[in-house]
PDB file of N, CA and C in Angstrom:
ATOM      1  N   UNK A   1     -53.656 110.076 256.421  1.00  0.00           N
ATOM      2  CA  UNK A   1     -53.496 110.945 255.728  1.00  0.00           C
ATOM      3  C   UNK A   1     -52.492 111.949 255.185  1.00  0.00           C
ATOM      4  N   UNK A   2     -52.434 111.287 253.703  1.00  0.00           N
ATOM      5  CA  UNK A   2     -50.952 111.993 252.782  1.00  0.00           C
ATOM      6  C   UNK A   2     -51.006 113.518 253.173  1.00  0.00           C
ATOM      7  N   UNK A   3     -50.561 114.720 253.234  1.00  0.00           N
ATOM      8  CA  UNK A   3     -50.468 115.587 252.648  1.00  0.00           C
ATOM      9  C   UNK A   3     -49.662 116.148 251.747  1.00  0.00           C
ATOM     10  N   UNK A   4     -50.285 116.868 250.771  1.00  0.00           N
ATOM     11  CA  UNK A   4     -50.385 117.355 249.656  1.00  0.00           C
ATOM     12  C   UNK A   4     -49.036 118.275 248.964  1.00  0.00           C
ATOM     13  N   UNK A   5     -47.788 117.732 248.289  1.00  0.00           N
ATOM     14  CA  UNK A   5     -46.943 119.036 247.980  1.00  0.00           C
ATOM     15  C   UNK A   5     -47.129 120.560 247.639  1.00  0.00           C
ATOM     16  N   UNK A   6     -46.234 121.444 248.408  1.00  0.00           N
ATOM     17  CA  UNK A   6     -46.796 122.700 248.071  1.00  0.00           C
ATOM     18  C   UNK A   6     -46.840 122.861 246.782  1.00  0.00           C
ATOM     19  N   UNK A   7     -47.214 123.728 246.153  1.00  0.00           N
ATOM     20  CA  UNK A   7     -46.982 123.889 244.718  1.00  0.00           C
ATOM     21  C   UNK A   7     -46.012 125.025 244.978  1.00  0.00           C
ATOM     22  N   UNK A   8     -45.394 125.348 244.189  1.00  0.00           N
ATOM     23  CA  UNK A   8     -43.918 126.512 244.388  1.00  0.00           C
ATOM     24  C   UNK A   8     -44.852 127.753 243.088  1.00  0.00           C
ATOM     25  N   UNK A   9     -44.324 128.920 243.143  1.00  0.00           N
ATOM     26  CA  UNK A   9     -44.691 130.221 242.567  1.00  0.00           C
ATOM     27  C   UNK A   9     -44.085 129.892 241.411  1.00  0.00           C
ATOM     28  N   UNK A  10     -44.744 130.826 240.316  1.00  0.00           N
ATOM     29  CA  UNK A  10     -44.209 130.475 239.240  1.00  0.00           C
ATOM     30  C   UNK A  10     -42.720 131.068 238.970  1.00  0.00           C
ATOM     31  N   UNK A  11     -42.550 132.241 239.691  1.00  0.00           N
ATOM     32  CA  UNK A  11     -41.399 132.811 239.469  1.00  0.00           C
ATOM     33  C   UNK A  11     -40.682 132.068 239.816  1.00  0.00           C
ATOM     34  N   UNK A  12     -40.445 131.458 241.139  1.00  0.00           N
ATOM     35  CA  UNK A  12     -39.488 130.690 241.964  1.00  0.00           C
ATOM     36  C   UNK A  12     -39.117 129.422 240.775  1.00  0.00           C
ATOM     37  N   UNK A  13     -39.695 128.833 240.165  1.00  0.00           N
ATOM     38  CA  UNK A  13     -39.990 127.895 238.984  1.00  0.00           C
ATOM     39  C   UNK A  13     -38.980 128.335 237.735  1.00  0.00           C
ATOM     40  N   UNK A  14     -39.298 129.026 237.366  1.00  0.00           N
ATOM     41  CA  UNK A  14     -38.886 130.042 236.002  1.00  0.00           C
ATOM     42  C   UNK A  14     -37.498 130.277 236.599  1.00  0.00           C
ATOM     43  N   UNK A  15     -37.024 130.799 237.443  1.00  0.00           N
ATOM     44  CA  UNK A  15     -35.399 131.225 237.916  1.00  0.00           C
ATOM     45  C   UNK A  15     -35.222 130.258 238.411  1.00  0.00           C
ATOM     46  N   UNK A  16     -35.712 129.100 238.887  1.00  0.00           N
ATOM     47  CA  UNK A  16     -34.834 127.334 238.943  1.00  0.00           C
ATOM     48  C   UNK A  16     -34.359 126.848 237.993  1.00  0.00           C
ATOM     49  N   UNK A  17     -35.336 127.020 236.982  1.00  0.00           N
ATOM     50  CA  UNK A  17     -34.939 125.542 235.589  1.00  0.00           C
ATOM     51  C   UNK A  17     -33.961 126.719 234.860  1.00  0.00           C
ATOM     52  N   UNK A  18     -34.078 128.317 234.846  1.00  0.00           N
ATOM     53  CA  UNK A  18     -33.307 129.065 234.010  1.00  0.00           C
ATOM     54  C   UNK A  18     -31.693 128.960 234.788  1.00  0.00           C
ATOM     55  N   UNK A  19     -31.461 128.843 236.113  1.00  0.00           N
ATOM     56  CA  UNK A  19     -30.211 128.649 236.609  1.00  0.00           C
ATOM     57  C   UNK A  19     -29.453 127.219 236.375  1.00  0.00           C
ATOM     58  N   UNK A  20     -30.776 126.193 236.520  1.00  0.00           N
ATOM     59  CA  UNK A  20     -30.150 124.408 236.450  1.00  0.00           C
ATOM     60  C   UNK A  20     -29.719 124.637 234.955  1.00  0.00           C
ATOM     61  N   UNK A  21     -30.094 125.142 233.989  1.00  0.00           N
ATOM     62  CA  UNK A  21     -30.078 124.527 232.442  1.00  0.00           C
ATOM     63  C   UNK A  21     -29.053 125.382 232.123  1.00  0.00           C
ATOM     64  N   UNK A  22     -28.916 126.473 232.619  1.00  0.00           N
ATOM     65  CA  UNK A  22     -27.511 127.386 232.309  1.00  0.00           C
ATOM     66  C   UNK A  22     -26.219 126.466 233.437  1.00  0.00           C
ATOM     67  N   UNK A  23     -26.706 126.214 234.403  1.00  0.00           N
ATOM     68  CA  UNK A  23     -25.244 125.770 235.077  1.00  0.00           C
ATOM     69  C   UNK A  23     -24.785 124.148 233.987  1.00  0.00           C
ATOM     70  N   UNK A  24     -26.119 123.840 233.980  1.00  0.00           N
ATOM     71  CA  UNK A  24     -25.998 122.220 233.114  1.00  0.00           C
ATOM     72  C   UNK A  24     -25.217 122.575 231.926  1.00  0.00           C
ATOM     73  N   UNK A  25     -24.754 123.788 231.039  1.00  0.00           N
ATOM     74  CA  UNK A  25     -24.468 123.869 229.925  1.00  0.00           C
ATOM     75  C   UNK A  25     -23.353 124.913 230.022  1.00  0.00           C
ATOM     76  N   UNK A  26     -22.959 125.337 231.518  1.00  0.00           N
ATOM     77  CA  UNK A  26     -21.785 125.970 231.340  1.00  0.00           C
ATOM     78  C   UNK A  26     -21.620 127.714 231.265  1.00  0.00           C
ATOM     79  N   UNK A  27     -23.231 127.938 231.253  1.00  0.00           N
ATOM     80  CA  UNK A  27     -23.742 129.162 230.813  1.00  0.00           C
ATOM     81  C   UNK A  27     -23.603 130.712 231.699  1.00  0.00           C
ATOM     82  N   UNK A  28     -23.867 131.466 231.800  1.00  0.00           N
ATOM     83  CA  UNK A  28     -24.492 132.538 232.223  1.00  0.00           C
ATOM     84  C   UNK A  28     -26.365 132.472 232.376  1.00  0.00           C
ATOM     85  N   UNK A  29     -26.835 132.551 233.418  1.00  0.00           N
ATOM     86  CA  UNK A  29     -28.571 132.445 233.184  1.00  0.00           C
ATOM     87  C   UNK A  29     -29.111 133.325 232.299  1.00  0.00           C
ATOM     88  N   UNK A  30     -28.273 134.359 231.901  1.00  0.00           N
ATOM     89  CA  UNK A  30     -28.996 135.853 231.258  1.00  0.00           C
ATOM     90  C   UNK A  30     -28.754 135.575 229.823  1.00  0.00           C
ATOM     91  N   UNK A  31     -27.828 134.268 229.618  1.00  0.00           N
ATOM     92  CA  UNK A  31     -27.915 133.748 228.148  1.00  0.00           C
ATOM     93  C   UNK A  31     -29.162 132.846 227.853  1.00  0.00           C
ATOM     94  N   UNK A  32     -29.709 132.619 228.595  1.00  0.00           N
ATOM     95  CA  UNK A  32     -30.896 131.466 228.254  1.00  0.00           C
ATOM     96  C   UNK A  32     -31.721 131.705 228.065  1.00  0.00           C
ATOM     97  N   UNK A  33     -32.479 131.442 227.207  1.00  0.00           N
ATOM     98  CA  UNK A  33     -33.943 132.066 226.157  1.00  0.00           C
ATOM     99  C   UNK A  33     -35.037 131.537 226.879  1.00  0.00           C
ATOM    100  N   UNK A  34     -35.887 132.352 227.867  1.00  0.00           N
ATOM    101  CA  UNK A  34     -36.872 131.166 228.785  1.00  0.00           C
ATOM    102  C   UNK A  34     -37.829 131.190 227.570  1.00  0.00           C
ATOM    103  N   UNK A  35     -38.551 131.359 226.307  1.00  0.00           N
ATOM    104  CA  UNK A  35     -39.424 131.652 225.269  1.00  0.00           C
ATOM    105  C   UNK A  35     -38.856 130.164 224.419  1.00  0.00           C
ATOM    106  N   UNK A  36     -37.321 129.511 224.233  1.00  0.00           N
ATOM    107  CA  UNK A  36     -37.061 129.003 223.299  1.00  0.00           C
ATOM    108  C   UNK A  36     -37.540 127.233 223.920  1.00  0.00           C
ATOM    109  N   UNK A  37     -37.847 126.431 223.135  1.00  0.00           N
ATOM    110  CA  UNK A  37     -38.206 125.116 223.584  1.00  0.00           C
ATOM    111  C   UNK A  37     -36.305 124.801 224.249  1.00  0.00           C
ATOM    112  N   UNK A  38     -37.060 124.007 225.174  1.00  0.00           N
ATOM    113  CA  UNK A  38     -36.006 123.408 226.403  1.00  0.00           C
ATOM    114  C   UNK A  38     -34.764 122.422 225.309  1.00  0.00           C
ATOM    115  N   UNK A  39     -35.840 121.793 224.419  1.00  0.00           N
ATOM    116  CA  UNK A  39     -35.174 121.357 223.567  1.00  0.00           C
ATOM    117  C   UNK A  39     -34.188 121.830 222.588  1.00  0.00           C
ATOM    118  N   UNK A  40     -33.992 122.965 222.662  1.00  0.00           N
ATOM    119  CA  UNK A  40     -32.931 123.775 222.155  1.00  0.00           C
ATOM    120  C   UNK A  40     -31.911 123.532 223.009  1.00  0.00           C
ATOM    121  N   UNK A  41     -31.823 123.436 224.180  1.00  0.00           N
ATOM    122  CA  UNK A  41     -30.591 123.001 224.983  1.00  0.00           C
ATOM    123  C   UNK A  41     -29.932 121.796 224.938  1.00  0.00           C
ATOM    124  N   UNK A  42     -30.471 120.692 224.391  1.00  0.00           N
ATOM    125  CA  UNK A  42     -30.006 119.681 223.773  1.00  0.00           C
ATOM    126  C   UNK A  42     -29.970 118.892 225.728  1.00  0.00           C
ATOM    127  N   UNK A  43     -30.732 118.920 226.218  1.00  0.00           N
ATOM    128  CA  UNK A  43     -30.947 117.631 227.277  1.00  0.00           C
ATOM    129  C   UNK A  43     -31.314 116.710 227.129  1.00  0.00           C
ATOM    130  N   UNK A  44     -30.149 115.610 227.883  1.00  0.00           N
ATOM    131  CA  UNK A  44     -30.965 114.221 227.744  1.00  0.00           C
ATOM    132  C   UNK A  44     -31.435 113.837 228.443  1.00  0.00           C
ATOM    133  N   UNK A  45     -31.802 112.286 228.496  1.00  0.00           N
ATOM    134  CA  UNK A  45     -32.595 111.631 229.729  1.00  0.00           C
ATOM    135  C   UNK A  45     -31.826 111.782 230.790  1.00  0.00           C
ATOM    136  N   UNK A  46     -30.626 111.696 230.928  1.00  0.00           N
ATOM    137  CA  UNK A  46     -30.111 111.435 232.261  1.00  0.00           C
ATOM    138  C   UNK A  46     -29.824 112.960 232.610  1.00  0.00           C
ATOM    139  N   UNK A  47     -29.671 113.718 231.865  1.00  0.00           N
ATOM    140  CA  UNK A  47     -30.466 114.972 232.813  1.00  0.00           C
ATOM    141  C   UNK A  47     -31.356 115.799 233.190  1.00  0.00           C
ATOM    142  N   UNK A  48     -32.611 114.764 232.335  1.00  0.00           N
ATOM    143  CA  UNK A  48     -34.127 115.083 232.634  1.00  0.00           C
ATOM    144  C   UNK A  48     -33.716 114.332 234.127  1.00  0.00           C
ATOM    145  N   UNK A  49     -33.899 113.030 234.350  1.00  0.00           N
ATOM    146  CA  UNK A  49     -33.814 112.407 235.701  1.00  0.00           C
ATOM    147  C   UNK A  49     -33.110 113.516 236.402  1.00  0.00           C
ATOM    148  N   UNK A  50     -31.819 113.726 236.662  1.00  0.00           N
ATOM    149  CA  UNK A  50     -31.021 114.606 238.057  1.00  0.00           C
ATOM    150  C   UNK A  50     -31.889 115.808 238.030  1.00  0.00           C
ATOM    151  N   UNK A  51     -32.755 116.378 236.900  1.00  0.00           N
ATOM    152  CA  UNK A  51     -33.540 117.309 237.080  1.00  0.00           C
ATOM    153  C   UNK A  51     -34.797 117.363 237.889  1.00  0.00           C
ATOM    154  N   UNK A  52     -35.252 116.495 237.252  1.00  0.00           N
ATOM    155  CA  UNK A  52     -36.368 115.754 238.013  1.00  0.00           C
ATOM    156  C   UNK A  52     -36.549 115.894 239.480  1.00  0.00           C
ATOM    157  N   UNK A  53     -34.961 114.780 239.950  1.00  0.00           N
ATOM    158  CA  UNK A  53     -34.538 114.869 241.741  1.00  0.00           C
ATOM    159  C   UNK A  53     -34.211 116.264 242.353  1.00  0.00           C
ATOM    160  N   UNK A  54     -33.795 116.814 241.483  1.00  0.00           N
ATOM    161  CA  UNK A  54     -33.004 118.329 241.826  1.00  0.00           C
ATOM    162  C   UNK A  54     -34.411 119.174 242.126  1.00  0.00           C
ATOM    163  N   UNK A  55     -35.429 119.261 240.960  1.00  0.00           N
ATOM    164  CA  UNK A  55     -36.158 119.524 241.353  1.00  0.00           C
ATOM    165  C   UNK A  55     -37.202 119.053 242.730  1.00  0.00           C
ATOM    166  N   UNK A  56     -37.342 118.024 242.987  1.00  0.00           N
ATOM    167  CA  UNK A  56     -38.051 117.514 244.063  1.00  0.00           C
ATOM    168  C   UNK A  56     -37.457 118.018 245.352  1.00  0.00           C
ATOM    169  N   UNK A  57     -36.103 117.958 245.126  1.00  0.00           N
ATOM    170  CA  UNK A  57     -34.796 118.517 246.461  1.00  0.00           C
ATOM    171  C   UNK A  57     -35.379 119.838 246.782  1.00  0.00           C
ATOM    172  N   UNK A  58     -35.584 120.765 245.965  1.00  0.00           N
ATOM    173  CA  UNK A  58     -35.968 122.176 245.954  1.00  0.00           C
ATOM    174  C   UNK A  58     -37.309 122.478 246.376  1.00  0.00           C
ATOM    175  N   UNK A  59     -38.195 121.868 245.881  1.00  0.00           N
ATOM    176  CA  UNK A  59     -39.344 122.309 245.818  1.00  0.00           C
ATOM    177  C   UNK A  59     -40.256 121.457 246.474  1.00  0.00           C
ATOM    178  N   UNK A  60     -39.965 119.938 247.005  1.00  0.00           N
ATOM    179  CA  UNK A  60     -40.696 119.444 247.652  1.00  0.00           C
ATOM    180  C   UNK A  60     -41.854 119.011 246.994  1.00  0.00           C
ATOM    181  N   UNK A  61     -41.361 118.839 245.781  1.00  0.00           N
ATOM    182  CA  UNK A  61     -42.211 118.227 244.858  1.00  0.00           C
ATOM    183  C   UNK A  61     -42.329 117.251 243.705  1.00  0.00           C
ATOM    184  N   UNK A  62     -42.509 116.348 243.806  1.00  0.00           N
ATOM    185  CA  UNK A  62     -41.897 115.137 242.789  1.00  0.00           C
ATOM    186  C   UNK A  62     -42.583 115.615 241.267  1.00  0.00           C
ATOM    187  N   UNK A  63     -41.522 115.348 240.312  1.00  0.00           N
ATOM    188  CA  UNK A  63     -42.405 115.739 239.028  1.00  0.00           C
ATOM    189  C   UNK A  63     -41.745 114.744 238.330  1.00  0.00           C
ATOM    190  N   UNK A  64     -42.482 113.911 237.477  1.00  0.00           N
ATOM    191  CA  UNK A  64     -41.719 112.753 236.489  1.00  0.00           C
ATOM    192  C   UNK A  64     -40.458 113.667 235.716  1.00  0.00           C
ATOM    193  N   UNK A  65     -39.374 112.727 235.066  1.00  0.00           N
ATOM    194  CA  UNK A  65     -38.472 113.358 234.223  1.00  0.00           C
ATOM    195  C   UNK A  65     -38.698 113.654 232.865  1.00  0.00           C
ATOM    196  N   UNK A  66     -40.007 113.093 232.431  1.00  0.00           N
ATOM    197  CA  UNK A  66     -40.254 113.437 230.866  1.00  0.00           C
ATOM    198  C   UNK A  66     -41.137 115.108 231.062  1.00  0.00           C
ATOM    199  N   UNK A  67     -40.971 115.463 232.128  1.00  0.00           N
ATOM    200  CA  UNK A  67     -41.217 116.690 232.190  1.00  0.00           C
ATOM    201  C   UNK A  67     -41.128 117.721 231.614  1.00  0.00           C
ATOM    202  N   UNK A  68     -39.433 117.115 231.949  1.00  0.00           N
ATOM    203  CA  UNK A  68     -38.195 118.217 231.000  1.00  0.00           C
ATOM    204  C   UNK A  68     -38.068 117.658 229.412  1.00  0.00           C
ATOM    205  N   UNK A  69     -38.535 116.677 229.477  1.00  0.00           N
ATOM    206  CA  UNK A  69     -38.120 116.837 228.142  1.00  0.00           C
ATOM    207  C   UNK A  69     -39.275 116.184 226.663  1.00  0.00           C
ATOM    208  N   UNK A  70     -40.679 117.019 227.313  1.00  0.00           N
ATOM    209  CA  UNK A  70     -41.881 117.361 225.953  1.00  0.00           C
ATOM    210  C   UNK A  70     -41.384 118.268 225.174  1.00  0.00           C
ATOM    211  N   UNK A  71     -41.701 117.877 224.387  1.00  0.00           N
ATOM    212  CA  UNK A  71     -41.454 118.973 222.942  1.00  0.00           C
ATOM    213  C   UNK A  71     -41.491 119.722 223.278  1.00  0.00           C
ATOM    214  N   UNK A  72     -41.814 120.835 222.736  1.00  0.00           N
ATOM    215  CA  UNK A  72     -41.391 122.116 222.357  1.00  0.00           C
ATOM    216  C   UNK A  72     -41.663 123.411 223.554  1.00  0.00           C
ATOM    217  N   UNK A  73     -41.806 122.290 224.310  1.00  0.00           N
ATOM    218  CA  UNK A  73     -42.302 123.831 225.612  1.00  0.00           C
ATOM    219  C   UNK A  73     -41.047 124.714 226.099  1.00  0.00           C
ATOM    220  N   UNK A  74     -41.351 125.649 226.491  1.00  0.00           N
ATOM    221  CA  UNK A  74     -40.040 126.633 226.916  1.00  0.00           C
ATOM    222  C   UNK A  74     -40.285 126.041 228.324  1.00  0.00           C
ATOM    223  N   UNK A  75     -38.697 127.376 229.266  1.00  0.00           N
ATOM    224  CA  UNK A  75     -39.060 127.584 230.688  1.00  0.00           C
ATOM    225  C   UNK A  75     -40.434 128.154 230.736  1.00  0.00           C
ATOM    226  N   UNK A  76     -40.542 129.196 230.040  1.00  0.00           N
ATOM    227  CA  UNK A  76     -41.885 130.323 230.375  1.00  0.00           C
ATOM    228  C   UNK A  76     -42.918 129.268 230.855  1.00  0.00           C
ATOM    229  N   UNK A  77     -43.372 128.131 229.699  1.00  0.00           N
ATOM    230  CA  UNK A  77     -44.373 127.414 229.715  1.00  0.00           C
ATOM    231  C   UNK A  77     -44.634 126.172 230.715  1.00  0.00           C
ATOM    232  N   UNK A  78     -43.516 125.567 230.957  1.00  0.00           N
ATOM    233  CA  UNK A  78     -43.252 124.687 232.145  1.00  0.00           C
ATOM    234  C   UNK A  78     -43.487 125.627 233.280  1.00  0.00           C
ATOM    235  N   UNK A  79     -43.138 126.806 233.325  1.00  0.00           N
ATOM    236  CA  UNK A  79     -42.637 127.444 234.762  1.00  0.00           C
ATOM    237  C   UNK A  79     -44.285 127.698 235.207  1.00  0.00           C
ATOM    238  N   UNK A  80     -44.856 127.989 234.397  1.00  0.00           N
ATOM    239  CA  UNK A  80     -46.353 128.199 234.469  1.00  0.00           C
ATOM    240  C   UNK A  80     -47.163 126.973 234.812  1.00  0.00           C
ATOM    241  N   UNK A  81     -46.836 125.954 234.216  1.00  0.00           N
ATOM    242  CA  UNK A  81     -47.625 124.319 233.992  1.00  0.00           C
ATOM    243  C   UNK A  81     -46.978 123.592 235.664  1.00  0.00           C
ATOM    244  N   UNK A  82     -46.104 124.512 236.460  1.00  0.00           N
ATOM    245  CA  UNK A  82     -45.599 123.663 237.483  1.00  0.00           C
ATOM    246  C   UNK A  82     -45.895 124.505 238.828  1.00  0.00           C
ATOM    247  N   UNK A  83     -46.355 125.559 238.129  1.00  0.00           N
ATOM    248  CA  UNK A  83     -46.559 126.052 239.719  1.00  0.00           C
ATOM    249  C   UNK A  83     -47.930 126.935 239.937  1.00  0.00           C
ATOM    250  N   UNK A  84     -47.876 127.753 240.842  1.00  0.00           N
ATOM    251  CA  UNK A  84     -49.269 128.113 241.267  1.00  0.00           C
ATOM    252  C   UNK A  84     -50.194 128.773 239.852  1.00  0.00           C
ATOM    253  N   UNK A  85     -51.543 127.901 239.948  1.00  0.00           N
ATOM    254  CA  UNK A  85     -52.215 128.590 239.257  1.00  0.00           C
ATOM    255  C   UNK A  85     -52.846 129.633 239.699  1.00  0.00           C
TER     256      UNK A  85
END
């Protein structure tokens, strides 16, 4: 029987995405607007693949790279979607 991956808390996911994007862009994390669409930060498919792999390493939870490329979702919305209900 396969064990399900644990679902991380929203605050941990939110902080991880914020810091990851800030590091990728060479910015301070407090300069990242969590309400702005991720598309604002011009992430490309290579960034999304790397981000998905790093997310899986950090949270032991695989996610598809497209998760970070979908339309107008913000860090706030994405954190809620990926975290504990």
